[in-house]
Amino acid sequence: MKGICEHINEIAELKMPAELVCEECMKTDGTWVHLRTCQTCGTTLCCDSSPSKHMTKHFHQSEHPVVISAEPGEKWLWCYKDESFAEYE
């Protein structure tokens, strides 16, 4: 895709969430607002609108740059490293 960062362009096949839950919030009875799925390892965690912001923490710990929205009906990718956004069909 033209104008999209190299990390998003490298995604050949999307990793979809196995379950619509934040894996870390479930361990601590936490709550989440929206979910994101890491496109490197497939982990699904909560977004920055959620109290624990687990996906951003995951990015900082793992350096896995690209996530997709795991929310039904949302079809977009975000690259933390380049702050790049792209929609898909």
C-alpha atoms as a PDB file:
ATOM      1  CA  MET A   1       0.000   0.000   0.000  1.00  0.00           C
ATOM      2  CA  LYS A   2       1.322   3.387  -0.980  1.00  0.00           C
ATOM      3  CA  GLY A   3       1.925   5.913   1.819  1.00  0.00           C
ATOM      4  CA  ILE A   4       1.762   3.256   4.539  1.00  0.00           C
ATOM      5  CA  CYS A   5       4.726   2.441   6.771  1.00  0.00           C
ATOM      6  CA  GLU A   6       6.931  -0.555   6.035  1.00  0.00           C
ATOM      7  CA  HIS A   7       5.773  -2.431   9.161  1.00  0.00           C
ATOM      8  CA  ILE A   8       2.148  -2.400   8.003  1.00  0.00           C
ATOM      9  CA  ASN A   9       3.172  -3.165   4.420  1.00  0.00           C
ATOM     10  CA  GLU A  10       5.001  -6.289   5.653  1.00  0.00           C
ATOM     11  CA  ILE A  11       1.780  -7.817   7.038  1.00  0.00           C
ATOM     12  CA  ALA A  12       0.855 -10.593   4.595  1.00  0.00           C
ATOM     13  CA  GLU A  13      -1.883 -12.284   6.637  1.00  0.00           C
ATOM     14  CA  LEU A  14      -3.845 -10.834   9.546  1.00  0.00           C
ATOM     15  CA  LYS A  15      -3.773 -12.544  12.919  1.00  0.00           C
ATOM     16  CA  MET A  16      -7.321 -12.445  14.246  1.00  0.00           C
ATOM     17  CA  PRO A  17      -8.181 -12.674  17.953  1.00  0.00           C
ATOM     18  CA  ALA A  18      -8.827 -16.132  19.355  1.00  0.00           C
ATOM     19  CA  GLU A  19     -11.152 -14.652  21.986  1.00  0.00           C
ATOM     20  CA  LEU A  20     -12.541 -11.161  22.510  1.00  0.00           C
ATOM     21  CA  VAL A  21     -10.914 -10.667  25.913  1.00  0.00           C
ATOM     22  CA  CYS A  22      -7.823  -8.869  27.183  1.00  0.00           C
ATOM     23  CA  GLU A  23      -5.494 -11.694  28.172  1.00  0.00           C
ATOM     24  CA  GLU A  24      -3.842  -9.591  30.917  1.00  0.00           C
ATOM     25  CA  CYS A  25      -7.043  -8.061  32.341  1.00  0.00           C
ATOM     26  CA  MET A  26      -8.495 -11.564  32.692  1.00  0.00           C
ATOM     27  CA  LYS A  27      -5.617 -12.490  35.016  1.00  0.00           C
ATOM     28  CA  THR A  28      -6.380  -9.606  37.397  1.00  0.00           C
ATOM     29  CA  ASP A  29     -10.156  -9.178  37.011  1.00  0.00           C
ATOM     30  CA  GLY A  30      -9.448  -5.922  35.164  1.00  0.00           C
ATOM     31  CA  THR A  31     -11.728  -4.182  32.713  1.00  0.00           C
ATOM     32  CA  TRP A  32     -11.179  -2.987  29.173  1.00  0.00           C
ATOM     33  CA  VAL A  33     -12.838  -0.668  26.672  1.00  0.00           C
ATOM     34  CA  HIS A  34     -11.563  -1.934  23.289  1.00  0.00           C
ATOM     35  CA  LEU A  35      -9.238  -4.714  22.192  1.00  0.00           C
ATOM     36  CA  ARG A  36      -6.230  -4.863  19.856  1.00  0.00           C
ATOM     37  CA  THR A  37      -4.462  -7.922  18.415  1.00  0.00           C
ATOM     38  CA  CYS A  38      -0.687  -7.914  17.915  1.00  0.00           C
ATOM     39  CA  GLN A  39       0.256  -8.808  14.360  1.00  0.00           C
ATOM     40  CA  THR A  40       3.594 -10.301  15.381  1.00  0.00           C
ATOM     41  CA  CYS A  41       2.526 -12.762  18.082  1.00  0.00           C
ATOM     42  CA  GLY A  42      -1.296 -12.768  18.005  1.00  0.00           C
ATOM     43  CA  THR A  43      -1.762 -11.578  21.601  1.00  0.00           C
ATOM     44  CA  THR A  44      -5.033  -9.719  22.225  1.00  0.00           C
ATOM     45  CA  LEU A  45      -4.886  -6.936  24.816  1.00  0.00           C
ATOM     46  CA  CYS A  46      -6.706  -3.755  25.813  1.00  0.00           C
ATOM     47  CA  CYS A  47      -6.326  -0.337  24.177  1.00  0.00           C
ATOM     48  CA  ASP A  48      -5.181   3.021  25.566  1.00  0.00           C
ATOM     49  CA  SER A  49      -8.760   3.996  26.493  1.00  0.00           C
ATOM     50  CA  SER A  50      -8.710   1.076  28.954  1.00  0.00           C
ATOM     51  CA  PRO A  51      -7.363   1.566  32.491  1.00  0.00           C
ATOM     52  CA  SER A  52      -4.330  -0.730  32.111  1.00  0.00           C
ATOM     53  CA  LYS A  53      -3.342   0.049  28.481  1.00  0.00           C
ATOM     54  CA  HIS A  54      -1.926  -3.454  28.095  1.00  0.00           C
ATOM     55  CA  MET A  55      -1.317  -3.337  24.322  1.00  0.00           C
ATOM     56  CA  THR A  56       0.883  -0.229  24.572  1.00  0.00           C
ATOM     57  CA  LYS A  57       2.813  -1.914  27.385  1.00  0.00           C
ATOM     58  CA  HIS A  58       3.173  -4.989  25.165  1.00  0.00           C
ATOM     59  CA  PHE A  59       4.618  -2.840  22.377  1.00  0.00           C
ATOM     60  CA  HIS A  60       7.166  -1.217  24.709  1.00  0.00           C
ATOM     61  CA  GLN A  61       8.240  -4.596  26.142  1.00  0.00           C
ATOM     62  CA  SER A  62       8.250  -6.608  22.906  1.00  0.00           C
ATOM     63  CA  GLU A  63       8.779  -3.976  20.199  1.00  0.00           C
ATOM     64  CA  HIS A  64       6.064  -5.675  18.124  1.00  0.00           C
ATOM     65  CA  PRO A  65       4.957  -2.656  16.072  1.00  0.00           C
ATOM     66  CA  VAL A  66       1.604  -3.454  14.404  1.00  0.00           C
ATOM     67  CA  VAL A  67      -1.830  -4.190  15.871  1.00  0.00           C
ATOM     68  CA  ILE A  68      -5.304  -4.508  14.415  1.00  0.00           C
ATOM     69  CA  SER A  69      -8.523  -3.539  16.094  1.00  0.00           C
ATOM     70  CA  ALA A  70     -10.133  -6.670  17.506  1.00  0.00           C
ATOM     71  CA  GLU A  71     -13.493  -4.911  17.681  1.00  0.00           C
ATOM     72  CA  PRO A  72     -16.237  -6.404  15.474  1.00  0.00           C
ATOM     73  CA  GLY A  73     -16.805  -4.243  12.405  1.00  0.00           C
ATOM     74  CA  GLU A  74     -13.536  -2.293  12.737  1.00  0.00           C
ATOM     75  CA  LYS A  75     -10.990  -3.032  10.012  1.00  0.00           C
ATOM     76  CA  TRP A  76      -7.801  -1.100  10.618  1.00  0.00           C
ATOM     77  CA  LEU A  77      -4.142  -1.504  11.539  1.00  0.00           C
ATOM     78  CA  TRP A  78      -1.953   0.757  13.677  1.00  0.00           C
ATOM     79  CA  CYS A  79       1.831   0.869  13.807  1.00  0.00           C
ATOM     80  CA  TYR A  80       3.078   2.063  17.185  1.00  0.00           C
ATOM     81  CA  LYS A  81       6.618   2.601  15.938  1.00  0.00           C
ATOM     82  CA  ASP A  82       5.713   4.854  13.002  1.00  0.00           C
ATOM     83  CA  GLU A  83       2.334   6.095  14.288  1.00  0.00           C
ATOM     84  CA  SER A  84       0.865   4.953  10.999  1.00  0.00           C
ATOM     85  CA  PHE A  85      -2.765   3.981  10.393  1.00  0.00           C
ATOM     86  CA  ALA A  86      -4.310   1.933   7.561  1.00  0.00           C
ATOM     87  CA  GLU A  87      -7.725   0.478   6.866  1.00  0.00           C
ATOM     88  CA  TYR A  88      -8.275  -2.873   5.170  1.00  0.00           C
ATOM     89  CA  GLU A  89     -11.189  -4.679   3.557  1.00  0.00           C
END
